[in-house]
C-alpha atoms as a PDB file:
ATOM      1  CA  UNK A   1     -55.229 173.167  28.540  1.00  0.00           C
ATOM      2  CA  UNK A   2     -52.538 170.558  28.121  1.00  0.00           C
ATOM      3  CA  UNK A   3     -50.566 170.693  31.417  1.00  0.00           C
ATOM      4  CA  UNK A   4     -54.058 170.703  33.422  1.00  0.00           C
ATOM      5  CA  UNK A   5     -54.933 167.305  31.578  1.00  0.00           C
ATOM      6  CA  UNK A   6     -51.387 166.070  32.722  1.00  0.00           C
ATOM      7  CA  UNK A   7     -52.296 166.878  36.641  1.00  0.00           C
ATOM      8  CA  UNK A   8     -55.768 165.645  36.446  1.00  0.00           C
ATOM      9  CA  UNK A   9     -53.908 162.185  35.194  1.00  0.00           C
ATOM     10  CA  UNK A  10     -51.575 162.512  37.604  1.00  0.00           C
ATOM     11  CA  UNK A  11     -53.944 162.901  40.399  1.00  0.00           C
ATOM     12  CA  UNK A  12     -56.270 160.342  39.316  1.00  0.00           C
ATOM     13  CA  UNK A  13     -53.094 157.866  39.200  1.00  0.00           C
ATOM     14  CA  UNK A  14     -51.670 158.933  42.460  1.00  0.00           C
ATOM     15  CA  UNK A  15     -55.089 158.503  44.495  1.00  0.00           C
ATOM     16  CA  UNK A  16     -55.648 155.074  42.633  1.00  0.00           C
ATOM     17  CA  UNK A  17     -52.357 154.131  43.662  1.00  0.00           C
ATOM     18  CA  UNK A  18     -52.551 155.079  47.415  1.00  0.00           C
ATOM     19  CA  UNK A  19     -56.202 153.304  47.555  1.00  0.00           C
ATOM     20  CA  UNK A  20     -54.758 149.790  46.170  1.00  0.00           C
ATOM     21  CA  UNK A  21     -52.168 149.615  48.271  1.00  0.00           C
ATOM     22  CA  UNK A  22     -54.336 149.641  51.288  1.00  0.00           C
ATOM     23  CA  UNK A  23     -55.011 146.190  53.156  1.00  0.00           C
ATOM     24  CA  UNK A  24     -57.329 144.387  55.027  1.00  0.00           C
ATOM     25  CA  UNK A  25     -57.361 144.114  58.754  1.00  0.00           C
ATOM     26  CA  UNK A  26     -57.950 140.954  60.789  1.00  0.00           C
ATOM     27  CA  UNK A  27     -58.680 140.446  64.120  1.00  0.00           C
ATOM     28  CA  UNK A  28     -56.615 137.714  65.372  1.00  0.00           C
ATOM     29  CA  UNK A  29     -59.168 134.770  66.283  1.00  0.00           C
ATOM     30  CA  UNK A  30     -62.275 136.633  65.058  1.00  0.00           C
ATOM     31  CA  UNK A  31     -64.447 138.101  67.645  1.00  0.00           C
ATOM     32  CA  UNK A  32     -63.583 136.722  70.613  1.00  0.00           C
ATOM     33  CA  UNK A  33     -59.913 137.867  70.200  1.00  0.00           C
ATOM     34  CA  UNK A  34     -56.523 136.720  71.720  1.00  0.00           C
ATOM     35  CA  UNK A  35     -57.547 134.335  74.557  1.00  0.00           C
ATOM     36  CA  UNK A  36     -56.785 131.066  76.113  1.00  0.00           C
ATOM     37  CA  UNK A  37     -59.701 128.954  74.789  1.00  0.00           C
ATOM     38  CA  UNK A  38     -61.337 130.392  71.506  1.00  0.00           C
ATOM     39  CA  UNK A  39     -64.102 128.440  70.435  1.00  0.00           C
ATOM     40  CA  UNK A  40     -62.330 128.341  66.718  1.00  0.00           C
ATOM     41  CA  UNK A  41     -58.658 127.112  67.152  1.00  0.00           C
ATOM     42  CA  UNK A  42     -56.242 130.002  66.010  1.00  0.00           C
ATOM     43  CA  UNK A  43     -54.976 127.339  63.521  1.00  0.00           C
ATOM     44  CA  UNK A  44     -58.253 126.863  62.164  1.00  0.00           C
ATOM     45  CA  UNK A  45     -59.078 130.303  62.158  1.00  0.00           C
ATOM     46  CA  UNK A  46     -55.514 131.453  60.363  1.00  0.00           C
ATOM     47  CA  UNK A  47     -56.149 128.361  57.410  1.00  0.00           C
ATOM     48  CA  UNK A  48     -59.469 130.103  56.497  1.00  0.00           C
ATOM     49  CA  UNK A  49     -58.203 133.398  55.977  1.00  0.00           C
ATOM     50  CA  UNK A  50     -55.966 134.987  53.256  1.00  0.00           C
ATOM     51  CA  UNK A  51     -53.188 137.021  54.522  1.00  0.00           C
ATOM     52  CA  UNK A  52     -51.334 139.010  52.024  1.00  0.00           C
ATOM     53  CA  UNK A  53     -48.886 142.141  51.931  1.00  0.00           C
ATOM     54  CA  UNK A  54     -50.114 145.248  53.688  1.00  0.00           C
ATOM     55  CA  UNK A  55     -52.494 142.953  55.653  1.00  0.00           C
ATOM     56  CA  UNK A  56     -52.742 144.509  59.055  1.00  0.00           C
ATOM     57  CA  UNK A  57     -53.830 141.838  62.222  1.00  0.00           C
ATOM     58  CA  UNK A  58     -54.844 143.051  65.380  1.00  0.00           C
ATOM     59  CA  UNK A  59     -54.392 141.135  68.909  1.00  0.00           C
ATOM     60  CA  UNK A  60     -57.167 142.590  71.121  1.00  0.00           C
ATOM     61  CA  UNK A  61     -56.726 141.451  74.826  1.00  0.00           C
ATOM     62  CA  UNK A  62     -56.602 142.563  78.330  1.00  0.00           C
ATOM     63  CA  UNK A  63     -53.980 144.686  79.040  1.00  0.00           C
ATOM     64  CA  UNK A  64     -51.470 143.964  81.688  1.00  0.00           C
ATOM     65  CA  UNK A  65     -53.009 140.020  81.703  1.00  0.00           C
ATOM     66  CA  UNK A  66     -51.812 138.955  78.965  1.00  0.00           C
ATOM     67  CA  UNK A  67     -49.463 139.628  75.864  1.00  0.00           C
ATOM     68  CA  UNK A  68     -47.917 138.284  72.325  1.00  0.00           C
ATOM     69  CA  UNK A  69     -44.857 137.806  71.507  1.00  0.00           C
ATOM     70  CA  UNK A  70     -43.640 137.567  67.894  1.00  0.00           C
ATOM     71  CA  UNK A  71     -41.182 134.892  67.225  1.00  0.00           C
ATOM     72  CA  UNK A  72     -38.472 134.211  64.941  1.00  0.00           C
ATOM     73  CA  UNK A  73     -39.315 130.804  63.356  1.00  0.00           C
ATOM     74  CA  UNK A  74     -41.288 127.457  63.616  1.00  0.00           C
ATOM     75  CA  UNK A  75     -38.746 125.865  66.404  1.00  0.00           C
ATOM     76  CA  UNK A  76     -39.395 128.966  68.715  1.00  0.00           C
ATOM     77  CA  UNK A  77     -43.037 128.319  67.942  1.00  0.00           C
ATOM     78  CA  UNK A  78     -43.445 125.023  68.839  1.00  0.00           C
ATOM     79  CA  UNK A  79     -41.359 125.202  71.661  1.00  0.00           C
ATOM     80  CA  UNK A  80     -42.988 128.790  73.066  1.00  0.00           C
ATOM     81  CA  UNK A  81     -39.535 130.506  73.414  1.00  0.00           C
ATOM     82  CA  UNK A  82     -39.894 133.760  74.594  1.00  0.00           C
ATOM     83  CA  UNK A  83     -36.434 134.492  75.648  1.00  0.00           C
ATOM     84  CA  UNK A  84     -35.355 136.800  72.428  1.00  0.00           C
ATOM     85  CA  UNK A  85     -38.825 137.469  70.205  1.00  0.00           C
ATOM     86  CA  UNK A  86     -38.912 139.589  67.539  1.00  0.00           C
ATOM     87  CA  UNK A  87     -41.163 142.049  68.932  1.00  0.00           C
ATOM     88  CA  UNK A  88     -43.467 141.773  72.465  1.00  0.00           C
ATOM     89  CA  UNK A  89     -47.040 143.451  72.100  1.00  0.00           C
ATOM     90  CA  UNK A  90     -48.531 144.015  75.289  1.00  0.00           C
ATOM     91  CA  UNK A  91     -50.747 146.965  75.155  1.00  0.00           C
ATOM     92  CA  UNK A  92     -54.216 144.954  74.904  1.00  0.00           C
ATOM     93  CA  UNK A  93     -54.840 146.224  71.310  1.00  0.00           C
ATOM     94  CA  UNK A  94     -51.717 145.707  69.031  1.00  0.00           C
ATOM     95  CA  UNK A  95     -50.989 145.695  65.465  1.00  0.00           C
ATOM     96  CA  UNK A  96     -48.887 144.244  63.163  1.00  0.00           C
ATOM     97  CA  UNK A  97     -48.647 145.250  59.796  1.00  0.00           C
ATOM     98  CA  UNK A  98     -47.298 142.268  57.488  1.00  0.00           C
ATOM     99  CA  UNK A  99     -44.545 144.424  54.795  1.00  0.00           C
ATOM    100  CA  UNK A 100     -43.419 140.733  53.334  1.00  0.00           C
ATOM    101  CA  UNK A 101     -44.831 137.337  52.227  1.00  0.00           C
ATOM    102  CA  UNK A 102     -43.847 134.402  54.124  1.00  0.00           C
ATOM    103  CA  UNK A 103     -44.801 133.050  57.713  1.00  0.00           C
ATOM    104  CA  UNK A 104     -45.306 135.299  60.979  1.00  0.00           C
ATOM    105  CA  UNK A 105     -45.217 133.559  64.005  1.00  0.00           C
ATOM    106  CA  UNK A 106     -47.170 134.188  67.654  1.00  0.00           C
ATOM    107  CA  UNK A 107     -47.315 132.857  70.757  1.00  0.00           C
ATOM    108  CA  UNK A 108     -48.954 134.062  73.802  1.00  0.00           C
ATOM    109  CA  UNK A 109     -47.464 135.544  76.525  1.00  0.00           C
ATOM    110  CA  UNK A 110     -48.821 135.110  79.798  1.00  0.00           C
ATOM    111  CA  UNK A 111     -47.512 132.345  81.887  1.00  0.00           C
ATOM    112  CA  UNK A 112     -47.895 129.184  80.203  1.00  0.00           C
ATOM    113  CA  UNK A 113     -50.402 130.250  77.920  1.00  0.00           C
ATOM    114  CA  UNK A 114     -48.445 129.089  74.510  1.00  0.00           C
ATOM    115  CA  UNK A 115     -47.813 125.720  75.717  1.00  0.00           C
ATOM    116  CA  UNK A 116     -51.565 125.375  76.437  1.00  0.00           C
ATOM    117  CA  UNK A 117     -52.369 126.268  72.656  1.00  0.00           C
ATOM    118  CA  UNK A 118     -52.809 129.967  72.522  1.00  0.00           C
ATOM    119  CA  UNK A 119     -50.239 130.636  69.254  1.00  0.00           C
ATOM    120  CA  UNK A 120     -50.904 131.404  65.663  1.00  0.00           C
ATOM    121  CA  UNK A 121     -48.994 130.822  62.283  1.00  0.00           C
ATOM    122  CA  UNK A 122     -49.939 133.309  59.749  1.00  0.00           C
ATOM    123  CA  UNK A 123     -48.650 132.611  56.313  1.00  0.00           C
ATOM    124  CA  UNK A 124     -48.662 135.566  54.022  1.00  0.00           C
ATOM    125  CA  UNK A 125     -48.948 135.136  50.361  1.00  0.00           C
ATOM    126  CA  UNK A 126     -47.187 136.388  47.978  1.00  0.00           C
ATOM    127  CA  UNK A 127     -48.145 139.374  45.641  1.00  0.00           C
ATOM    128  CA  UNK A 128     -48.709 136.796  42.728  1.00  0.00           C
ATOM    129  CA  UNK A 129     -51.338 135.394  44.436  1.00  0.00           C
ATOM    130  CA  UNK A 130     -53.325 138.777  44.963  1.00  0.00           C
ATOM    131  CA  UNK A 131     -56.492 137.267  42.812  1.00  0.00           C
ATOM    132  CA  UNK A 132     -56.945 134.494  45.378  1.00  0.00           C
ATOM    133  CA  UNK A 133     -58.926 137.031  47.781  1.00  0.00           C
ATOM    134  CA  UNK A 134     -57.564 138.882  50.159  1.00  0.00           C
ATOM    135  CA  UNK A 135     -46.753 143.526  60.822  1.00  0.00           C
ATOM    136  CA  UNK A 136     -43.851 143.715  61.964  1.00  0.00           C
ATOM    137  CA  UNK A 137     -43.254 147.220  61.623  1.00  0.00           C
ATOM    138  CA  UNK A 138     -40.028 146.373  59.808  1.00  0.00           C
ATOM    139  CA  UNK A 139     -39.300 143.243  57.270  1.00  0.00           C
ATOM    140  CA  UNK A 140     -37.525 140.473  58.858  1.00  0.00           C
ATOM    141  CA  UNK A 141     -36.077 137.783  57.524  1.00  0.00           C
ATOM    142  CA  UNK A 142     -37.672 133.972  58.915  1.00  0.00           C
ATOM    143  CA  UNK A 143     -36.731 130.613  57.176  1.00  0.00           C
ATOM    144  CA  UNK A 144     -39.903 129.513  55.310  1.00  0.00           C
ATOM    145  CA  UNK A 145     -41.566 126.327  57.144  1.00  0.00           C
ATOM    146  CA  UNK A 146     -41.762 123.185  54.941  1.00  0.00           C
ATOM    147  CA  UNK A 147     -44.085 122.771  52.170  1.00  0.00           C
ATOM    148  CA  UNK A 148     -47.100 120.962  54.188  1.00  0.00           C
ATOM    149  CA  UNK A 149     -47.401 123.906  56.877  1.00  0.00           C
ATOM    150  CA  UNK A 150     -47.471 126.360  53.813  1.00  0.00           C
ATOM    151  CA  UNK A 151     -50.260 124.798  51.956  1.00  0.00           C
ATOM    152  CA  UNK A 152     -52.771 127.956  50.591  1.00  0.00           C
ATOM    153  CA  UNK A 153     -55.693 128.076  52.569  1.00  0.00           C
ATOM    154  CA  UNK A 154     -59.306 128.274  51.276  1.00  0.00           C
ATOM    155  CA  UNK A 155     -60.973 132.189  50.710  1.00  0.00           C
ATOM    156  CA  UNK A 156     -62.523 133.095  53.903  1.00  0.00           C
ATOM    157  CA  UNK A 157     -66.045 132.291  54.067  1.00  0.00           C
ATOM    158  CA  UNK A 158     -68.934 134.874  53.915  1.00  0.00           C
ATOM    159  CA  UNK A 159     -69.318 134.579  57.795  1.00  0.00           C
ATOM    160  CA  UNK A 160     -66.129 135.789  58.210  1.00  0.00           C
ATOM    161  CA  UNK A 161     -67.433 139.517  58.226  1.00  0.00           C
ATOM    162  CA  UNK A 162     -64.663 139.905  61.712  1.00  0.00           C
ATOM    163  CA  UNK A 163     -62.078 140.997  58.489  1.00  0.00           C
ATOM    164  CA  UNK A 164     -62.817 144.445  57.729  1.00  0.00           C
ATOM    165  CA  UNK A 165     -62.470 144.954  53.877  1.00  0.00           C
ATOM    166  CA  UNK A 166     -61.044 148.197  53.988  1.00  0.00           C
ATOM    167  CA  UNK A 167     -59.655 148.157  50.250  1.00  0.00           C
ATOM    168  CA  UNK A 168     -62.690 147.475  48.697  1.00  0.00           C
ATOM    169  CA  UNK A 169     -64.539 150.892  49.710  1.00  0.00           C
ATOM    170  CA  UNK A 170     -61.029 152.793  49.126  1.00  0.00           C
ATOM    171  CA  UNK A 171     -60.793 151.559  45.526  1.00  0.00           C
ATOM    172  CA  UNK A 172     -64.547 152.247  44.310  1.00  0.00           C
ATOM    173  CA  UNK A 173     -63.730 155.722  46.247  1.00  0.00           C
ATOM    174  CA  UNK A 174     -60.369 156.361  44.565  1.00  0.00           C
ATOM    175  CA  UNK A 175     -62.281 155.344  41.099  1.00  0.00           C
ATOM    176  CA  UNK A 176     -65.275 157.761  42.104  1.00  0.00           C
ATOM    177  CA  UNK A 177     -62.514 160.671  42.557  1.00  0.00           C
ATOM    178  CA  UNK A 178     -60.509 159.488  39.802  1.00  0.00           C
ATOM    179  CA  UNK A 179     -63.709 160.169  37.935  1.00  0.00           C
ATOM    180  CA  UNK A 180     -64.330 163.419  39.224  1.00  0.00           C
ATOM    181  CA  UNK A 181     -61.013 164.758  39.137  1.00  0.00           C
ATOM    182  CA  UNK A 182     -61.063 163.642  35.117  1.00  0.00           C
ATOM    183  CA  UNK A 183     -64.166 165.491  34.458  1.00  0.00           C
ATOM    184  CA  UNK A 184     -62.960 168.542  36.295  1.00  0.00           C
ATOM    185  CA  UNK A 185     -59.800 168.894  34.686  1.00  0.00           C
ATOM    186  CA  UNK A 186     -60.340 167.449  30.897  1.00  0.00           C
END
């Protein structure tokens, strides 16, 4: 019976770990998507949300008519430099998963949309900020911008229903499954 208890504990622990590693999914700019003149500026939208490692940001735009460049640093971001991006996203439903903390810089890819304000700076909080609330496919080394541009933003408003919280439902589901597994194996 000891081996069954161990198996139950291991299953519960493993499943809980998987559920806790889930992140939120944010849609860049909210329900309007990645557009030239959103009703809420990208800067304001990014500051009212909290981004964590394992969160995902989705850029929705018309395929073939727009794109997104993920650029290296604040200088490329400010100058709308598209010459050597980290990624050029162009499928109309582009996803980026944040695999580390720090700043991520995105600029509009169509014509001079970036110069007209279609750009987004996302600051992913460090793991020790996890209690505060809330892709690069591979880690990218980006210099940290000056402190004034990395100041913590307020927690998302209750009306920010665009950010889909998959982790809290996953955690509850994981706890439920863990309790059932413990009852069965113990």
